[in-house]
Amino acid sequence: MPTAEGYDFDDRPFLVFWEITRACALACSHCRAEAQPQRHPEELDSAQSLHLIRQLAEWKPPMLILTGGDPLMRRDAIDLVRAASDAGLHVGLSPSATQRLLQADFGELKAAGVQRMSLSLDGATRETHDSFRGVSGTYDRTIEAVRRAHEVGLELQINTTLTRGNMDEYEDFKRLMFELKPAMWSVFLLVPTGRAGLADMPDAEDIERVFEDMADLVGKAPFAVKTTEGHHFRRVVMNRMGANIGLHRPGMKSPLGIRDGRGVMFISHIGEVSPSGFLPMVCGNVKTTHPADIYRKHPLFVSLRDNDALGGKCGICEYRPVCGGSRSRAYGIYGDPFAADPACVYQPKVAV
């Protein structure tokens, strides 16, 4: 059924994340992909990748994000961008801040069809970011990449993963965003998967305080603000704005209610399909099955799109149509993708 805003999550995802390679030169402490220095021998090859692009182009999801690992570790990365863009897809690129990125021609990336590049800053200083990323010089390369993106007019998104270890840098992150002027600041709330553990998660009360402050930026800062795996930020924003449940979030372009498996689909480097990169439950493989069939028909995807299938306090929360909690975090902590999201302190008006 279509959402209140007319987007039918049952038909197609709003965001398709395609991990075109797991290879990466960095060694990030929280890496979802557990990236490796070398490409996987069963990685989708160029022919398989172009076939997948044709399938996605038939389906027309609003946004395709090429990620990794480091997508630039594939020599045909720009060719895949160009093929997807020529097929009518809106393409985002999420490279790692390595020397390989700085050797790339940013103008060529834009001309090939990259509509938005996302770069990560997980420490607000050179020391903390390089420590987080596991390779010295990463902070400086990121800042240089930001400069080059601005220079050619390539729209930029900066991703920041909040962890127990960097929550005290939040104010510094915020100041940095005003200096770097991205089109969007996407704040990721850590999920214990890949190399990230439960001990890395921030306290729910600290998250709520940060979200309250971030809500003041929405519609006022010179950049858009959103969260990834921090869906309850929508509740905070709506309360701050005095908005009714079901209204579009101020300053946001995507429809409400997006979460893992509901408007989001992830395709791994070897073609495995999951509800998101943070929810590693394999539902099929694009090498043998059309991605639309997996998204539309697999029981896990179907259930994740059902707000009434949620358990715990998320299942009775009045905000579940626009939030629904992180299914990835519920799975990472409890082994149940339908459990309540432990990162949210809100108590529904109906008692559990």
Protein backbone atom coordinates (compact mmCIF):
# COMPACT_ATOMS: atom_id res chain seq x y z
CA MET A 1 0.00 0.00 0.00
CA PRO A 2 1.27 3.52 -0.73
CA THR A 3 2.42 5.63 2.20
CA ALA A 4 0.67 8.82 3.23
CA GLU A 5 3.05 10.59 0.87
CA GLY A 6 2.22 8.31 -2.04
CA TYR A 7 5.39 6.18 -2.14
CA ASP A 8 4.69 2.47 -2.37
CA PHE A 9 7.35 0.70 -0.30
CA ASP A 10 5.89 -2.68 -1.30
CA ASP A 11 6.74 -2.07 -4.95
CA ARG A 12 10.30 -0.79 -4.84
CA PRO A 13 12.91 0.57 -2.46
CA PHE A 14 13.68 4.27 -2.29
CA LEU A 15 17.38 3.57 -1.74
CA VAL A 16 19.43 0.72 -3.21
CA PHE A 17 22.90 0.34 -1.73
CA TRP A 18 25.20 -1.72 -3.91
CA GLU A 19 28.52 -2.74 -2.40
CA ILE A 20 30.38 -3.11 -5.70
CA THR A 21 33.49 -4.41 -3.90
CA ARG A 22 34.54 -5.32 -0.38
CA ALA A 23 38.13 -4.26 -1.06
CA CYS A 24 39.43 -1.21 0.80
CA ALA A 25 42.80 0.16 1.84
CA LEU A 26 41.51 1.41 5.21
CA ALA A 27 41.05 -0.53 8.46
CA CYS A 28 38.11 1.20 10.13
CA SER A 29 37.31 0.06 13.65
CA HIS A 30 33.55 -0.03 13.01
CA CYS A 31 33.56 -1.36 9.42
CA ARG A 32 30.21 -2.91 8.55
CA ALA A 33 31.69 -4.73 5.56
CA GLU A 34 34.76 -6.02 7.42
CA ALA A 35 36.59 -4.78 4.32
CA GLN A 36 39.66 -6.61 3.06
CA PRO A 37 42.71 -5.40 1.10
CA GLN A 38 41.88 -7.57 -1.93
CA ARG A 39 38.75 -8.00 -4.05
CA HIS A 40 36.70 -11.16 -3.49
CA PRO A 41 37.07 -13.78 -6.26
CA GLU A 42 33.27 -14.17 -6.47
CA GLU A 43 32.60 -10.44 -6.73
CA LEU A 44 30.13 -9.51 -9.47
CA ASP A 45 32.20 -9.09 -12.63
CA SER A 46 31.67 -6.36 -15.21
CA ALA A 47 29.14 -8.35 -17.26
CA GLN A 48 27.13 -9.33 -14.19
CA SER A 49 27.30 -5.76 -12.90
CA LEU A 50 26.00 -4.31 -16.16
CA HIS A 51 23.18 -6.89 -16.17
CA LEU A 52 22.23 -5.81 -12.65
CA ILE A 53 22.25 -2.16 -13.72
CA ARG A 54 19.83 -2.99 -16.53
CA GLN A 55 17.53 -4.77 -14.07
CA LEU A 56 17.61 -1.84 -11.66
CA ALA A 57 16.95 0.59 -14.51
CA GLU A 58 13.78 -1.35 -15.38
CA TRP A 59 12.68 -1.06 -11.75
CA LYS A 60 13.64 2.60 -11.32
CA PRO A 61 14.44 3.00 -7.61
CA PRO A 62 14.91 6.74 -6.93
CA MET A 63 18.52 6.41 -5.73
CA LEU A 64 21.37 3.96 -6.30
CA ILE A 65 24.39 4.33 -4.03
CA LEU A 66 27.61 2.59 -5.06
CA THR A 67 29.52 1.77 -1.93
CA GLY A 68 32.03 -0.73 -0.54
CA GLY A 69 34.60 -1.36 0.83
CA ASP A 70 35.93 1.33 -1.42
CA PRO A 71 34.14 1.38 -4.78
CA LEU A 72 37.18 2.99 -6.40
CA MET A 73 39.10 -0.24 -5.78
CA ARG A 74 37.27 -1.48 -8.88
CA ARG A 75 38.91 -0.30 -12.08
CA ASP A 76 35.52 -0.18 -13.79
CA ALA A 77 33.87 1.93 -11.06
CA ILE A 78 33.46 4.99 -13.28
CA ASP A 79 32.17 2.78 -16.11
CA LEU A 80 29.49 1.41 -13.74
CA VAL A 81 28.55 4.94 -12.70
CA ARG A 82 28.27 5.98 -16.33
CA ALA A 83 26.22 2.91 -17.27
CA ALA A 84 23.81 3.44 -14.38
CA SER A 85 23.44 7.16 -15.10
CA ASP A 86 22.96 6.55 -18.83
CA ALA A 87 20.24 4.03 -17.93
CA GLY A 88 18.35 6.75 -16.07
CA LEU A 89 19.36 5.96 -12.49
CA HIS A 90 20.32 8.66 -9.97
CA VAL A 91 23.74 7.61 -8.72
CA GLY A 92 25.56 8.34 -5.47
CA LEU A 93 29.14 7.29 -4.73
CA SER A 94 30.63 6.52 -1.33
CA PRO A 95 34.43 6.24 -1.72
CA SER A 96 37.08 5.89 0.97
CA ALA A 97 39.44 8.79 1.59
CA THR A 98 42.56 7.17 0.20
CA GLN A 99 45.24 8.34 -2.20
CA ARG A 100 43.26 6.55 -4.90
CA LEU A 101 40.40 9.03 -4.39
CA LEU A 102 42.72 12.02 -4.63
CA GLN A 103 44.16 10.62 -7.86
CA ALA A 104 40.64 10.56 -9.34
CA ASP A 105 39.34 13.37 -11.53
CA PHE A 106 36.38 14.78 -9.60
CA GLY A 107 35.13 16.52 -12.71
CA GLU A 108 35.11 13.18 -14.51
CA LEU A 109 33.17 11.59 -11.66
CA LYS A 110 30.55 14.29 -11.94
CA ALA A 111 30.44 14.06 -15.73
CA ALA A 112 30.05 10.27 -15.51
CA GLY A 113 26.88 10.78 -13.49
CA VAL A 114 27.75 10.92 -9.79
CA GLN A 115 25.02 13.17 -8.39
CA ARG A 116 26.23 13.05 -4.80
CA MET A 117 29.45 11.89 -3.18
CA SER A 118 29.50 10.87 0.45
CA LEU A 119 32.61 11.11 2.60
CA SER A 120 33.02 10.02 6.21
CA LEU A 121 34.23 12.05 9.17
CA ASP A 122 34.09 10.02 12.36
CA GLY A 123 36.50 12.11 14.35
CA ALA A 124 36.31 15.90 14.50
CA THR A 125 40.09 16.21 14.61
CA ARG A 126 42.95 14.75 12.62
CA GLU A 127 44.00 12.56 15.55
CA THR A 128 40.60 11.12 16.41
CA HIS A 129 39.47 10.52 12.82
CA ASP A 130 42.72 8.85 11.77
CA SER A 131 42.57 6.66 14.86
CA PHE A 132 38.99 5.68 14.00
CA ARG A 133 39.87 4.93 10.38
CA GLY A 134 43.04 3.04 11.22
CA VAL A 135 45.28 4.85 8.70
CA SER A 136 47.12 8.13 9.22
CA GLY A 137 46.45 10.93 6.75
CA THR A 138 42.80 9.96 6.26
CA TYR A 139 41.49 13.18 7.82
CA ASP A 140 43.62 15.38 5.60
CA ARG A 141 42.63 13.43 2.49
CA THR A 142 38.97 13.79 3.44
CA ILE A 143 39.25 17.56 3.83
CA GLU A 144 41.07 17.76 0.49
CA ALA A 145 38.34 15.64 -1.15
CA VAL A 146 35.70 18.01 0.24
CA ARG A 147 37.58 20.93 -1.32
CA ARG A 148 37.83 19.22 -4.70
CA ALA A 149 34.15 18.26 -4.69
CA HIS A 150 33.16 21.86 -4.04
CA GLU A 151 35.58 23.02 -6.74
CA VAL A 152 33.74 21.07 -9.48
CA GLY A 153 30.25 21.56 -8.04
CA LEU A 154 29.83 17.93 -7.00
CA GLU A 155 27.13 17.68 -4.34
CA LEU A 156 28.56 16.39 -1.08
CA GLN A 157 27.24 14.40 1.86
CA ILE A 158 29.27 13.91 5.02
CA ASN A 159 28.61 10.82 7.11
CA THR A 160 29.44 10.71 10.81
CA THR A 161 29.05 7.53 12.85
CA LEU A 162 28.26 8.29 16.49
CA THR A 163 29.85 5.85 18.93
CA ARG A 164 30.52 5.78 22.64
CA GLY A 165 34.04 6.93 21.82
CA ASN A 166 33.20 10.09 19.88
CA MET A 167 29.96 11.37 21.42
CA ASP A 168 31.94 14.01 23.30
CA GLU A 169 33.03 15.46 19.94
CA TYR A 170 29.48 16.20 18.80
CA GLU A 171 29.76 19.99 19.17
CA ASP A 172 33.04 19.92 17.24
CA PHE A 173 31.41 17.84 14.49
CA LYS A 174 28.61 20.38 14.27
CA ARG A 175 31.03 23.31 13.94
CA LEU A 176 32.95 21.39 11.30
CA MET A 177 29.82 20.94 9.19
CA PHE A 178 29.28 24.71 9.10
CA GLU A 179 32.87 25.06 7.87
CA LEU A 180 32.75 22.27 5.27
CA LYS A 181 29.27 23.16 3.96
CA PRO A 182 28.01 19.78 2.71
CA ALA A 183 24.61 19.49 1.08
CA MET A 184 23.73 17.00 3.80
CA TRP A 185 25.07 15.78 7.12
CA SER A 186 24.07 12.17 7.68
CA VAL A 187 24.58 11.03 11.26
CA PHE A 188 24.92 7.27 11.54
CA LEU A 189 24.00 5.67 14.83
CA LEU A 190 26.30 2.72 15.40
CA VAL A 191 24.94 -0.80 14.86
CA PRO A 192 26.84 -3.71 16.45
CA THR A 193 27.69 -5.59 13.27
CA GLY A 194 30.89 -6.20 11.31
CA ARG A 195 33.79 -4.88 13.39
CA ALA A 196 31.55 -2.78 15.66
CA GLY A 197 30.66 -4.28 19.03
CA LEU A 198 28.02 -3.70 21.66
CA ALA A 199 30.52 -1.84 23.85
CA ASP A 200 30.87 0.79 21.09
CA MET A 201 27.20 1.84 21.29
CA PRO A 202 26.43 5.20 22.91
CA ASP A 203 23.93 5.36 25.78
CA ALA A 204 20.34 5.94 24.70
CA GLU A 205 20.04 9.00 26.94
CA ASP A 206 23.11 10.58 25.32
CA ILE A 207 21.67 9.85 21.87
CA GLU A 208 18.42 11.57 22.81
CA ARG A 209 20.28 14.70 23.95
CA VAL A 210 22.25 14.84 20.70
CA PHE A 211 19.09 14.31 18.63
CA GLU A 212 17.37 17.15 20.50
CA ASP A 213 20.21 19.46 19.52
CA MET A 214 20.34 18.18 15.93
CA ALA A 215 16.61 18.86 15.59
CA ASP A 216 17.35 22.56 15.99
CA LEU A 217 19.48 22.39 12.83
CA VAL A 218 16.67 21.05 10.63
CA GLY A 219 15.46 23.74 8.27
CA LYS A 220 17.86 26.29 9.79
CA ALA A 221 21.37 25.04 9.00
CA PRO A 222 22.80 25.63 5.50
CA PHE A 223 22.81 21.84 5.05
CA ALA A 224 20.17 19.15 5.36
CA VAL A 225 20.35 16.82 8.36
CA LYS A 226 19.34 13.18 8.53
CA THR A 227 20.16 10.05 10.46
CA THR A 228 20.97 6.50 9.39
CA GLU A 229 19.87 3.73 11.77
CA GLY A 230 18.69 6.49 14.07
CA HIS A 231 15.08 6.55 12.91
CA HIS A 232 13.73 7.95 16.17
CA PHE A 233 15.31 11.27 15.20
CA ARG A 234 12.12 11.68 13.14
CA ARG A 235 10.08 11.63 16.36
CA VAL A 236 12.35 14.24 17.93
CA VAL A 237 12.10 16.51 14.88
CA MET A 238 8.34 16.17 14.64
CA ASN A 239 7.91 17.00 18.31
CA ARG A 240 10.22 19.98 17.98
CA MET A 241 8.40 21.26 14.90
CA GLY A 242 4.95 20.53 16.29
CA ALA A 243 4.26 18.39 13.22
CA ASN A 244 1.55 15.76 13.05
CA ILE A 245 2.44 12.12 12.49
CA GLY A 246 2.42 11.47 8.76
CA LEU A 247 3.71 14.84 7.67
CA HIS A 248 6.92 15.12 5.68
CA ARG A 249 9.97 15.96 7.77
CA PRO A 250 11.05 19.58 7.31
CA GLY A 251 14.21 19.85 5.24
CA MET A 252 14.07 16.23 4.05
CA LYS A 253 13.36 14.91 0.57
CA SER A 254 12.74 11.20 1.21
CA PRO A 255 9.34 9.81 2.22
CA LEU A 256 8.72 9.01 5.86
CA GLY A 257 8.88 5.49 7.19
CA ILE A 258 12.04 4.34 5.40
CA ARG A 259 13.97 1.71 7.29
CA ASP A 260 15.75 -1.59 6.65
CA GLY A 261 13.74 -3.61 4.15
CA ARG A 262 11.10 -0.90 3.95
CA GLY A 263 12.38 1.42 1.27
CA VAL A 264 15.96 0.13 1.65
CA MET A 265 17.69 -2.76 -0.08
CA PHE A 266 21.35 -3.80 0.03
CA ILE A 267 23.25 -5.78 -2.59
CA SER A 268 26.62 -7.19 -1.53
CA HIS A 269 29.79 -7.50 -3.59
CA ILE A 270 28.93 -11.13 -4.39
CA GLY A 271 25.31 -10.33 -5.22
CA GLU A 272 23.63 -11.30 -1.96
CA VAL A 273 20.54 -9.24 -1.12
CA SER A 274 19.72 -8.10 2.42
CA PRO A 275 17.29 -5.56 3.93
CA SER A 276 20.29 -3.30 4.59
CA GLY A 277 24.04 -3.46 4.90
CA PHE A 278 23.67 -3.40 8.68
CA LEU A 279 21.17 -6.29 8.69
CA PRO A 280 23.14 -9.24 7.27
CA MET A 281 20.24 -11.63 6.70
CA VAL A 282 20.59 -12.94 3.15
CA CYS A 283 17.33 -13.16 1.21
CA GLY A 284 18.59 -14.13 -2.25
CA ASN A 285 21.22 -13.39 -4.86
CA VAL A 286 20.97 -11.19 -7.94
CA LYS A 287 23.09 -13.71 -9.86
CA THR A 288 20.05 -15.98 -9.97
CA THR A 289 17.02 -13.83 -9.07
CA HIS A 290 15.78 -10.42 -10.18
CA PRO A 291 16.30 -7.98 -7.29
CA ALA A 292 12.67 -6.81 -7.61
CA ASP A 293 11.41 -10.33 -6.93
CA ILE A 294 13.56 -10.60 -3.80
CA TYR A 295 12.45 -7.21 -2.48
CA ARG A 296 8.77 -7.67 -3.24
CA LYS A 297 8.31 -11.33 -2.32
CA HIS A 298 10.84 -12.54 0.25
CA PRO A 299 9.05 -13.14 3.58
CA LEU A 300 11.60 -11.13 5.56
CA PHE A 301 11.23 -8.05 3.35
CA VAL A 302 7.43 -8.41 3.40
CA SER A 303 7.38 -8.63 7.20
CA LEU A 304 9.79 -5.73 7.67
CA ARG A 305 7.39 -3.52 5.72
CA ASP A 306 4.55 -4.41 8.12
CA ASN A 307 4.45 -1.91 10.99
CA ASP A 308 2.24 -4.30 12.95
CA ALA A 309 4.92 -7.02 12.83
CA LEU A 310 7.19 -5.01 15.13
CA GLY A 311 7.64 -6.26 18.67
CA GLY A 312 8.17 -4.70 22.07
CA LYS A 313 7.50 -1.02 22.53
CA CYS A 314 8.21 -0.34 18.82
CA GLY A 315 5.17 -2.49 18.00
CA ILE A 316 2.77 -0.26 19.91
CA CYS A 317 4.50 3.09 19.47
CA GLU A 318 2.35 5.76 17.88
CA TYR A 319 5.40 6.83 15.84
CA ARG A 320 5.95 3.44 14.21
CA PRO A 321 4.53 4.52 10.79
CA VAL A 322 7.27 7.16 10.49
CA CYS A 323 9.99 5.52 12.56
CA GLY A 324 9.78 1.82 13.37
CA GLY A 325 13.20 1.77 15.00
CA SER A 326 16.41 0.25 13.69
CA ARG A 327 15.74 -3.32 12.65
CA SER A 328 19.50 -3.76 12.23
CA ARG A 329 20.25 -2.74 15.81
CA ALA A 330 17.51 -4.98 17.15
CA TYR A 331 19.02 -7.89 15.23
CA GLY A 332 22.59 -7.01 16.21
CA ILE A 333 21.75 -6.94 19.91
CA TYR A 334 18.89 -9.40 20.33
CA GLY A 335 19.18 -11.56 17.22
CA ASP A 336 15.61 -10.55 16.36
CA PRO A 337 15.03 -7.93 13.63
CA PHE A 338 11.52 -7.26 14.97
CA ALA A 339 12.53 -6.50 18.57
CA ALA A 340 12.41 -2.99 20.04
CA ASP A 341 15.27 -0.64 19.21
CA PRO A 342 17.28 -0.29 22.46
CA ALA A 343 18.78 3.04 21.36
CA CYS A 344 15.45 4.86 21.83
CA VAL A 345 14.39 6.09 25.28
CA TYR A 346 10.84 7.03 24.29
CA GLN A 347 8.00 5.24 26.04
CA PRO A 348 4.84 4.90 23.90
CA LYS A 349 1.65 6.41 25.25
CA VAL A 350 0.13 2.92 25.38
CA ALA A 351 1.89 0.91 28.07
CA VAL A 352 3.65 -2.28 26.95
